[in-house]
Protein backbone atom coordinates (compact mmCIF):
# COMPACT_ATOMS: atom_id res chain seq x y z
CA MET A 1 0.00 0.00 0.00
CA THR A 2 1.50 3.32 -1.02
CA ALA A 3 1.18 6.62 0.80
CA ASP A 4 -1.34 7.84 -1.82
CA ALA A 5 -3.51 4.75 -1.40
CA SER A 6 -3.53 5.05 2.40
CA GLU A 7 -4.62 8.71 2.21
CA ASP A 8 -7.54 7.82 -0.08
CA ALA A 9 -8.61 4.79 1.92
CA GLU A 10 -12.13 4.99 3.22
CA ALA A 11 -12.65 4.43 6.96
CA ILE A 12 -14.41 1.22 7.93
CA ARG A 13 -17.18 1.43 10.49
CA LEU A 14 -18.24 -1.79 12.19
CA VAL A 15 -21.25 -2.37 14.38
CA PHE A 16 -21.74 -5.93 15.53
CA GLU A 17 -23.22 -7.98 18.32
CA LEU A 18 -21.22 -10.62 20.12
CA ALA A 19 -23.00 -13.21 22.24
CA ARG A 20 -21.07 -15.27 24.76
CA PRO A 21 -22.24 -18.66 23.39
CA ASP A 22 -20.76 -17.75 19.98
CA HIS A 23 -17.23 -17.01 21.22
CA PRO A 24 -16.93 -17.39 25.02
CA ARG A 25 -13.20 -16.59 25.31
CA LEU A 26 -13.46 -13.47 23.17
CA TYR A 27 -16.59 -12.35 25.00
CA ASP A 28 -14.98 -12.86 28.43
CA ASP A 29 -11.92 -10.89 27.37
CA LEU A 30 -13.87 -7.95 25.96
CA ILE A 31 -16.47 -7.75 28.75
CA ARG A 32 -13.68 -6.84 31.19
CA PHE A 33 -13.57 -3.38 29.63
CA PRO A 34 -16.27 -0.74 29.92
CA LYS A 35 -18.21 0.16 26.79
CA GLY A 36 -16.39 2.57 24.54
CA THR A 37 -12.80 3.33 23.65
CA LYS A 38 -11.07 0.78 25.88
CA ARG A 39 -13.16 -2.11 24.58
CA ILE A 40 -12.76 -0.97 20.97
CA ASN A 41 -8.98 -0.64 21.37
CA ARG A 42 -8.77 -4.13 22.88
CA LEU A 43 -10.70 -5.53 19.93
CA ARG A 44 -8.36 -3.71 17.53
CA VAL A 45 -5.31 -5.21 19.27
CA LEU A 46 -6.79 -8.71 19.18
CA ALA A 47 -7.73 -8.37 15.51
CA TYR A 48 -4.30 -7.03 14.52
CA ASP A 49 -2.43 -9.68 16.52
CA GLY A 50 -4.64 -12.33 14.92
CA LEU A 51 -3.85 -10.98 11.48
CA LEU A 52 -0.10 -10.98 12.16
CA THR A 53 -0.31 -14.52 13.54
CA GLN A 54 -2.25 -15.70 10.52
CA MET A 55 0.36 -14.14 8.20
CA GLY A 56 3.16 -15.85 10.15
CA GLN A 57 4.70 -12.58 11.33
CA LEU A 58 3.76 -13.18 14.96
CA VAL A 59 4.21 -16.52 16.68
CA ALA A 60 1.86 -17.54 19.46
CA VAL A 61 3.58 -18.69 22.65
CA ASP A 62 2.48 -22.01 24.10
CA LEU A 63 1.92 -21.34 27.79
CA ALA A 64 0.49 -24.77 28.56
CA PRO A 65 2.47 -26.61 31.23
CA ARG A 66 4.29 -29.68 30.01
CA PRO A 67 5.01 -32.75 32.06
CA ARG A 68 8.56 -32.85 33.33
CA VAL A 69 10.53 -35.82 32.11
CA THR A 70 13.32 -37.01 34.34
CA ARG A 71 15.97 -39.39 33.13
CA SER A 72 17.58 -41.56 35.72
CA ASP A 73 19.73 -43.27 33.09
CA ALA A 74 21.59 -40.08 32.04
CA GLU A 75 25.29 -40.34 32.72
CA GLU A 76 27.29 -37.63 34.43
CA GLY A 77 28.93 -35.36 31.87
CA SER A 78 26.45 -36.21 29.14
CA GLY A 79 24.51 -33.56 27.24
CA GLU A 80 21.26 -34.87 28.70
CA VAL A 81 22.22 -33.71 32.19
CA THR A 82 23.17 -30.24 30.94
CA ASN A 83 20.04 -29.92 28.82
CA GLU A 84 17.85 -30.82 31.78
CA MET A 85 19.68 -28.37 34.04
CA PHE A 86 19.06 -25.42 31.71
CA ALA A 87 15.60 -26.43 30.53
CA PRO A 88 12.70 -24.08 31.35
CA SER A 89 11.16 -24.74 34.74
CA HIS A 90 7.71 -26.29 34.86
CA ALA A 91 5.16 -25.53 37.54
CA GLU A 92 3.86 -28.74 39.03
């Protein structure tokens, strides 16, 4: 998009209704904000982040805890011991 095209671009106005049964997680996130600018800005951020993620320019972080695997057969001085020592901690 060039500078000329962005100046001529028409503004988009959206009015929509969102019911919790349709998208519970989105609804719960947006309902935290009072009506108006804060809620609209949150929706803009979510939409833009979603677009970047879909285009592969933003990578979602997996925050789900993973089971910790312990190896009792790892030998001292092996890479397995070092890798386990510096692995991310997992809440149990």
